[in-house]
């Protein structure tokens, strides 16, 4: 059984019953010798030692590979058999001496169980790490598809609706351009999955200006953008700023279709990049029961960069404000100590 368990990986999860049978036979032989029914033959001590070592191997294999509900029976049975086999060749002078000798041999089974348990722990930890990595990747992909793809699709819908009302001949061209951007996003995601490449951050400060222009072209609300053309920030911060703007514009398109003005400010001051977006199309918070996970997921990304994000109702509209640290600065307090990060839970979400 020990050789089979070591040689055939597929057999290892099914070792519980064979181990119980082997342990039962071994225990019966030991009891027969203790009761005087059996008798020693030449080489019995060596064979018993080999049997004990094989049982230790089975204990280790059972603890590592057999499901816990079944291992809890077979592993202790095999361990007990290992501990008492020595009574075949040794007659203790007292009960205490017998217990001591059996305990000494039982240490081998304990060491085997500890080794199997440790290896099982490593396997479980590796499986959890892989599962956590897959979950993080799925969430990252879901967030990217939600933020960028939903924005492009909502833009396509807005252009199509505007074209039906006004008969603008450029509407179809704008729908096509938005569709091409959506397809590019899908291609980038599929390429990353097929070739196991890291998902590079998308978007930059120039993308913010382009997104504002496209939003204004797709609907009645112009975007008044205030951003220094010479502003330079780290790529990761620029990508997150672009993502915040995309999410904010998408929320305005979904929850404030009657907005007549959008004010967008992107500026850097005291080591902090601040993005502020307000619109006049929402007098109260939309019903969040039917919302998605856009802003909560965005909050997690902002917090990961030690930033703050707040979405709240303002006089006659809605405001979204994000503050991202450009570098570690004594003037900047961590997001965990800020009140703004916690207010986002009540914000509307795309």
Protein backbone atom coordinates (compact mmCIF):
# COMPACT_ATOMS: atom_id res chain seq x y z
CA UNK A 1 0.00 0.00 0.00
CA UNK A 2 2.84 2.41 0.81
CA UNK A 3 4.55 1.73 -2.52
CA UNK A 4 1.26 2.14 -4.36
CA UNK A 5 0.63 5.47 -2.61
CA UNK A 6 4.09 6.74 -3.50
CA UNK A 7 3.94 5.52 -7.10
CA UNK A 8 0.38 6.36 -8.19
CA UNK A 9 -0.73 9.94 -7.44
CA UNK A 10 -4.32 9.17 -8.47
CA UNK A 11 -4.50 6.45 -5.82
CA UNK A 12 -3.47 8.71 -2.92
CA UNK A 13 -6.89 10.30 -2.18
CA UNK A 14 -8.33 6.77 -1.86
CA UNK A 15 -5.80 5.46 0.67
CA UNK A 16 -8.13 5.69 3.66
CA UNK A 17 -9.83 2.30 3.36
CA UNK A 18 -6.69 0.33 2.36
CA UNK A 19 -4.80 1.94 5.25
CA UNK A 20 -7.54 0.91 7.70
CA UNK A 21 -7.38 -2.68 6.41
CA UNK A 22 -3.59 -2.80 6.61
CA UNK A 23 -3.63 -1.31 10.11
CA UNK A 24 -6.28 -3.81 11.18
CA UNK A 25 -4.24 -6.79 9.94
CA UNK A 26 -1.06 -5.45 11.57
CA UNK A 27 -2.84 -4.86 14.87
CA UNK A 28 -4.31 -8.37 14.78
CA UNK A 29 -0.82 -9.83 14.32
CA UNK A 30 0.50 -7.74 17.22
CA UNK A 31 -2.36 -8.83 19.52
CA UNK A 32 -1.78 -12.45 18.55
CA UNK A 33 1.87 -12.19 19.64
CA UNK A 34 0.95 -10.42 22.88
CA UNK A 35 -1.64 -13.11 23.65
CA UNK A 36 0.91 -15.84 22.96
CA UNK A 37 -0.96 -17.22 19.98
CA UNK A 38 1.73 -16.29 17.49
CA UNK A 39 5.40 -17.14 17.75
CA UNK A 40 8.52 -15.40 16.57
CA UNK A 41 10.37 -16.63 13.52
CA UNK A 42 13.87 -15.68 12.39
CA UNK A 43 13.90 -12.21 10.89
CA UNK A 44 10.53 -11.26 12.39
CA UNK A 45 12.05 -8.20 14.06
CA UNK A 46 13.44 -6.90 10.75
CA UNK A 47 10.15 -7.51 8.97
CA UNK A 48 8.30 -5.77 11.76
CA UNK A 49 10.58 -2.77 11.45
CA UNK A 50 9.96 -2.60 7.69
CA UNK A 51 6.22 -2.91 8.35
CA UNK A 52 6.41 -0.06 10.86
CA UNK A 53 8.22 2.19 8.40
CA UNK A 54 5.67 1.40 5.69
CA UNK A 55 2.86 2.31 8.07
CA UNK A 56 4.59 5.62 8.84
CA UNK A 57 4.67 6.36 5.12
CA UNK A 58 0.96 5.59 4.92
CA UNK A 59 0.27 7.93 7.84
CA UNK A 60 2.08 10.76 6.04
CA UNK A 61 0.30 10.08 2.74
CA UNK A 62 -3.12 9.86 4.38
CA UNK A 63 -2.67 13.12 6.29
CA UNK A 64 -1.52 14.94 3.16
CA UNK A 65 -3.83 13.60 0.46
CA UNK A 66 -6.93 11.95 1.95
CA UNK A 67 -9.99 14.13 2.69
CA UNK A 68 -10.10 15.16 6.34
CA UNK A 69 -13.28 13.25 7.24
CA UNK A 70 -11.73 9.98 6.20
CA UNK A 71 -8.18 10.72 7.29
CA UNK A 72 -9.33 11.31 10.87
CA UNK A 73 -9.99 7.55 11.16
CA UNK A 74 -7.31 5.89 9.10
CA UNK A 75 -4.32 8.02 10.14
CA UNK A 76 -4.73 7.49 13.93
CA UNK A 77 -5.37 3.76 13.36
CA UNK A 78 -2.15 3.39 11.39
CA UNK A 79 -0.27 5.52 13.93
CA UNK A 80 -1.46 3.36 16.82
CA UNK A 81 -0.37 0.25 14.94
CA UNK A 82 3.10 1.75 14.48
CA UNK A 83 3.33 2.46 18.21
CA UNK A 84 2.45 -1.06 19.43
CA UNK A 85 4.16 -3.29 16.85
CA UNK A 86 7.29 -3.47 19.02
CA UNK A 87 5.34 -5.55 21.57
CA UNK A 88 5.78 -8.48 19.18
CA UNK A 89 9.49 -8.67 19.89
CA UNK A 90 9.76 -6.98 23.29
CA UNK A 91 8.11 -8.03 26.53
CA UNK A 92 8.04 -5.05 28.93
CA UNK A 93 8.68 -5.67 32.60
CA UNK A 94 5.91 -3.30 33.65
CA UNK A 95 2.98 -1.38 32.22
CA UNK A 96 4.88 1.88 32.50
CA UNK A 97 7.81 0.45 30.53
CA UNK A 98 5.43 -0.81 27.85
CA UNK A 99 3.77 2.58 27.53
CA UNK A 100 7.18 4.27 27.24
CA UNK A 101 8.40 1.91 24.52
CA UNK A 102 5.16 2.28 22.52
CA UNK A 103 5.28 6.06 22.90
CA UNK A 104 8.84 6.10 21.56
CA UNK A 105 7.86 4.21 18.43
CA UNK A 106 4.73 6.32 18.11
CA UNK A 107 6.93 9.39 17.67
CA UNK A 108 7.76 8.15 14.17
CA UNK A 109 4.08 8.20 13.24
CA UNK A 110 3.71 11.67 14.74
CA UNK A 111 6.66 12.95 12.71
CA UNK A 112 5.16 11.42 9.55
CA UNK A 113 1.77 13.01 10.32
CA UNK A 114 3.41 16.37 10.99
CA UNK A 115 5.31 16.18 7.69
CA UNK A 116 2.18 15.27 5.77
CA UNK A 117 0.20 18.00 7.51
CA UNK A 118 2.83 20.62 6.72
CA UNK A 119 2.93 19.64 3.05
CA UNK A 120 -0.87 19.70 2.98
CA UNK A 121 -0.79 23.19 4.49
CA UNK A 122 1.61 24.32 1.75
CA UNK A 123 -0.70 22.85 -0.90
CA UNK A 124 -3.73 24.62 0.56
CA UNK A 125 -1.84 27.90 0.82
CA UNK A 126 -0.72 27.62 -2.79
CA UNK A 127 -4.27 26.85 -3.94
CA UNK A 128 -5.58 29.86 -2.03
CA UNK A 129 -2.88 32.08 -3.51
CA UNK A 130 -3.81 30.94 -7.01
CA UNK A 131 -7.51 31.44 -6.29
CA UNK A 132 -6.86 34.91 -4.86
CA UNK A 133 -4.78 35.78 -7.91
CA UNK A 134 -7.53 34.63 -10.25
CA UNK A 135 -10.14 36.55 -8.26
CA UNK A 136 -8.04 39.71 -8.35
CA UNK A 137 -7.59 39.31 -12.11
CA UNK A 138 -11.31 38.77 -12.65
CA UNK A 139 -12.14 41.82 -10.58
CA UNK A 140 -9.56 43.88 -12.46
CA UNK A 141 -10.96 42.75 -15.80
CA UNK A 142 -14.52 43.36 -14.64
CA UNK A 143 -13.57 46.85 -13.50
CA UNK A 144 -11.86 47.69 -16.78
CA UNK A 145 -14.75 46.37 -18.84
CA UNK A 146 -17.22 48.22 -16.65
CA UNK A 147 -15.40 51.55 -16.72
CA UNK A 148 -14.23 51.71 -20.32
CA UNK A 149 -16.56 49.43 -22.25
CA UNK A 150 -19.69 50.74 -20.54
CA UNK A 151 -18.56 54.28 -21.25
CA UNK A 152 -18.06 53.60 -24.95
CA UNK A 153 -21.36 51.74 -25.25
CA UNK A 154 -23.26 54.50 -23.46
CA UNK A 155 -21.64 56.98 -25.85
CA UNK A 156 -22.79 54.90 -28.81
CA UNK A 157 -26.34 54.91 -27.45
CA UNK A 158 -26.24 58.67 -26.90
CA UNK A 159 -24.99 59.32 -30.45
CA UNK A 160 -27.61 56.98 -31.89
CA UNK A 161 -30.40 58.72 -29.96
CA UNK A 162 -29.13 62.14 -30.96
CA UNK A 163 -28.94 61.08 -34.60
CA UNK A 164 -32.53 59.90 -34.57
CA UNK A 165 -33.74 63.20 -33.14
CA UNK A 166 -31.58 65.69 -35.07
CA UNK A 167 -30.70 63.68 -38.16
CA UNK A 168 -27.03 64.55 -37.69
CA UNK A 169 -25.09 62.83 -40.52
CA UNK A 170 -22.02 62.59 -38.26
CA UNK A 171 -23.89 60.50 -35.68
CA UNK A 172 -23.12 57.21 -37.42
CA UNK A 173 -19.44 58.10 -37.70
CA UNK A 174 -19.33 58.85 -33.97
CA UNK A 175 -21.11 55.60 -33.18
CA UNK A 176 -18.54 53.77 -35.29
CA UNK A 177 -15.65 55.50 -33.49
CA UNK A 178 -17.06 54.56 -30.08
CA UNK A 179 -17.55 50.99 -31.27
CA UNK A 180 -13.94 50.84 -32.45
CA UNK A 181 -12.73 51.96 -29.03
CA UNK A 182 -14.87 49.29 -27.38
CA UNK A 183 -13.46 46.63 -29.71
CA UNK A 184 -9.92 47.83 -28.99
CA UNK A 185 -10.58 47.41 -25.27
CA UNK A 186 -11.83 43.88 -25.83
CA UNK A 187 -8.84 43.06 -28.04
CA UNK A 188 -6.44 44.35 -25.40
CA UNK A 189 -8.13 42.27 -22.72
CA UNK A 190 -8.20 39.10 -24.82
CA UNK A 191 -4.55 39.56 -25.81
CA UNK A 192 -3.61 39.81 -22.16
CA UNK A 193 -5.55 36.62 -21.33
CA UNK A 194 -4.19 34.63 -24.27
CA UNK A 195 -0.55 35.58 -23.72
CA UNK A 196 -0.57 35.88 -19.92
CA UNK A 197 0.56 39.48 -20.00
CA UNK A 198 0.01 42.01 -17.21
CA UNK A 199 -2.85 44.38 -17.78
CA UNK A 200 -1.19 47.71 -18.46
CA UNK A 201 -2.86 50.84 -17.12
CA UNK A 202 -5.03 52.51 -19.75
CA UNK A 203 -5.61 56.20 -20.23
CA UNK A 204 -3.68 59.36 -19.46
CA UNK A 205 -4.28 63.09 -19.05
CA UNK A 206 -4.65 63.56 -22.81
CA UNK A 207 -7.38 60.92 -22.69
CA UNK A 208 -9.26 63.08 -20.18
CA UNK A 209 -9.42 65.94 -22.65
CA UNK A 210 -10.53 63.59 -25.45
CA UNK A 211 -13.20 62.00 -23.24
CA UNK A 212 -14.56 65.43 -22.32
CA UNK A 213 -14.78 66.42 -25.98
CA UNK A 214 -16.54 63.18 -26.92
CA UNK A 215 -19.00 63.56 -24.04
CA UNK A 216 -19.89 67.09 -25.12
CA UNK A 217 -20.35 65.93 -28.71
CA UNK A 218 -22.65 63.08 -27.67
CA UNK A 219 -25.12 65.10 -25.62
CA UNK A 220 -26.55 68.51 -24.79
CA UNK A 221 -24.24 69.12 -21.81
CA UNK A 222 -20.91 70.82 -22.60
CA UNK A 223 -17.91 69.94 -20.47
CA UNK A 224 -15.97 72.92 -19.16
CA UNK A 225 -12.51 71.48 -18.59
CA UNK A 226 -9.86 73.27 -16.59
CA UNK A 227 -6.52 71.49 -16.86
CA UNK A 228 -3.03 72.84 -17.40
CA UNK A 229 -1.74 71.46 -20.75
CA UNK A 230 1.75 71.27 -19.22
CA UNK A 231 0.58 69.17 -16.26
CA UNK A 232 2.71 66.02 -15.84
CA UNK A 233 1.99 63.24 -13.33
CA UNK A 234 3.17 59.62 -12.94
CA UNK A 235 1.61 57.18 -15.47
CA UNK A 236 -0.24 55.21 -12.77
CA UNK A 237 -1.78 58.37 -11.34
CA UNK A 238 -2.71 59.64 -14.80
CA UNK A 239 -4.36 56.32 -15.65
CA UNK A 240 -6.41 56.38 -12.45
CA UNK A 241 -7.38 60.02 -13.03
CA UNK A 242 -8.58 59.11 -16.53
CA UNK A 243 -10.55 56.22 -15.07
CA UNK A 244 -12.19 58.49 -12.49
CA UNK A 245 -13.24 60.95 -15.20
CA UNK A 246 -14.62 58.15 -17.38
CA UNK A 247 -16.66 56.79 -14.48
CA UNK A 248 -17.96 60.24 -13.59
CA UNK A 249 -19.01 61.02 -17.17
CA UNK A 250 -20.69 57.63 -17.51
CA UNK A 251 -22.65 58.24 -14.30
CA UNK A 252 -23.77 61.65 -15.57
CA UNK A 253 -24.93 60.11 -18.84
CA UNK A 254 -26.88 57.42 -16.97
CA UNK A 255 -28.21 59.29 -13.94
CA UNK A 256 -28.31 62.90 -15.15
CA UNK A 257 -29.43 62.83 -18.79
CA UNK A 258 -30.89 66.33 -18.43
CA UNK A 259 -27.67 67.90 -17.21
CA UNK A 260 -27.01 71.20 -18.97
CA UNK A 261 -23.45 71.78 -17.76
CA UNK A 262 -20.51 69.73 -16.54
CA UNK A 263 -17.57 71.40 -14.82
CA UNK A 264 -14.36 69.35 -14.74
CA UNK A 265 -11.19 70.48 -13.02
CA UNK A 266 -7.87 68.61 -12.95
CA UNK A 267 -5.07 70.33 -11.09
CA UNK A 268 -1.99 69.52 -9.03
CA UNK A 269 -1.18 71.29 -5.78
CA UNK A 270 1.00 70.46 -2.76
CA UNK A 271 1.88 67.01 -4.06
CA UNK A 272 -1.76 66.10 -4.74
CA UNK A 273 -3.66 65.66 -8.00
CA UNK A 274 -7.25 66.79 -7.47
CA UNK A 275 -10.06 65.89 -9.88
CA UNK A 276 -13.39 67.67 -9.36
CA UNK A 277 -16.48 67.07 -11.49
CA UNK A 278 -19.88 68.68 -10.94
CA UNK A 279 -23.10 68.69 -12.95
CA UNK A 280 -26.48 70.39 -12.60
CA UNK A 281 -28.63 67.46 -13.64
CA UNK A 282 -29.21 65.66 -10.33
CA UNK A 283 -31.09 67.25 -7.46
CA UNK A 284 -30.97 64.14 -5.28
CA UNK A 285 -29.15 60.81 -5.23
CA UNK A 286 -30.52 58.20 -7.64
CA UNK A 287 -31.87 54.93 -6.33
CA UNK A 288 -28.75 52.90 -5.59
CA UNK A 289 -30.63 49.59 -5.41
CA UNK A 290 -30.39 49.32 -9.16
CA UNK A 291 -26.87 50.72 -9.36
CA UNK A 292 -23.76 48.82 -10.16
CA UNK A 293 -20.34 48.62 -8.55
CA UNK A 294 -18.59 51.43 -10.40
CA UNK A 295 -17.93 53.93 -7.62
CA UNK A 296 -17.27 51.36 -4.83
CA UNK A 297 -14.73 49.61 -7.06
CA UNK A 298 -13.23 52.96 -8.00
CA UNK A 299 -12.96 53.84 -4.31
CA UNK A 300 -10.88 50.71 -3.72
CA UNK A 301 -8.48 51.72 -6.49
CA UNK A 302 -8.18 55.23 -5.09
CA UNK A 303 -7.56 53.93 -1.57
CA UNK A 304 -4.86 51.62 -2.93
CA UNK A 305 -2.97 54.78 -4.00
CA UNK A 306 -3.61 56.39 -0.59
CA UNK A 307 -6.16 58.74 -2.09
CA UNK A 308 -9.62 60.06 -1.24
CA UNK A 309 -12.84 59.84 -3.24
CA UNK A 310 -16.17 61.48 -2.41
CA UNK A 311 -19.41 61.63 -4.37
CA UNK A 312 -22.19 63.74 -2.91
CA UNK A 313 -25.18 65.91 -3.71
CA UNK A 314 -24.49 69.62 -3.99
CA UNK A 315 -26.79 72.57 -4.58
CA UNK A 316 -28.82 71.67 -7.66
CA UNK A 317 -26.61 68.83 -8.81
CA UNK A 318 -23.97 66.23 -8.00
CA UNK A 319 -20.26 66.38 -7.32
CA UNK A 320 -17.43 63.85 -7.62
CA UNK A 321 -14.06 64.75 -6.08
CA UNK A 322 -10.90 62.67 -5.97
CA UNK A 323 -7.52 63.51 -4.48
CA UNK A 324 -4.53 61.39 -5.47
CA UNK A 325 -1.08 61.82 -3.88
CA UNK A 326 1.66 62.36 -6.43
CA UNK A 327 4.39 61.35 -3.97
CA UNK A 328 4.83 60.60 -0.29
CA UNK A 329 4.51 63.97 1.34
CA UNK A 330 4.19 65.01 5.00
CA UNK A 331 1.37 67.31 3.91
CA UNK A 332 -0.72 64.33 2.73
CA UNK A 333 -2.66 62.23 5.21
CA UNK A 334 -3.44 58.56 4.40
CA UNK A 335 -6.86 57.80 2.97
CA UNK A 336 -7.71 55.67 6.00
CA UNK A 337 -7.79 58.79 8.18
CA UNK A 338 -9.95 60.81 5.81
CA UNK A 339 -13.70 61.23 6.14
CA UNK A 340 -14.21 61.59 2.40
CA UNK A 341 -13.45 58.00 1.51
CA UNK A 342 -16.26 56.68 3.68
CA UNK A 343 -18.92 58.90 2.14
CA UNK A 344 -18.77 57.18 -1.22
CA UNK A 345 -20.94 54.31 -0.02
CA UNK A 346 -23.97 56.54 -0.39
CA UNK A 347 -23.08 57.72 -3.85
CA UNK A 348 -24.79 56.71 -7.07
CA UNK A 349 -22.94 54.07 -8.97
CA UNK A 350 -22.78 52.97 -12.55
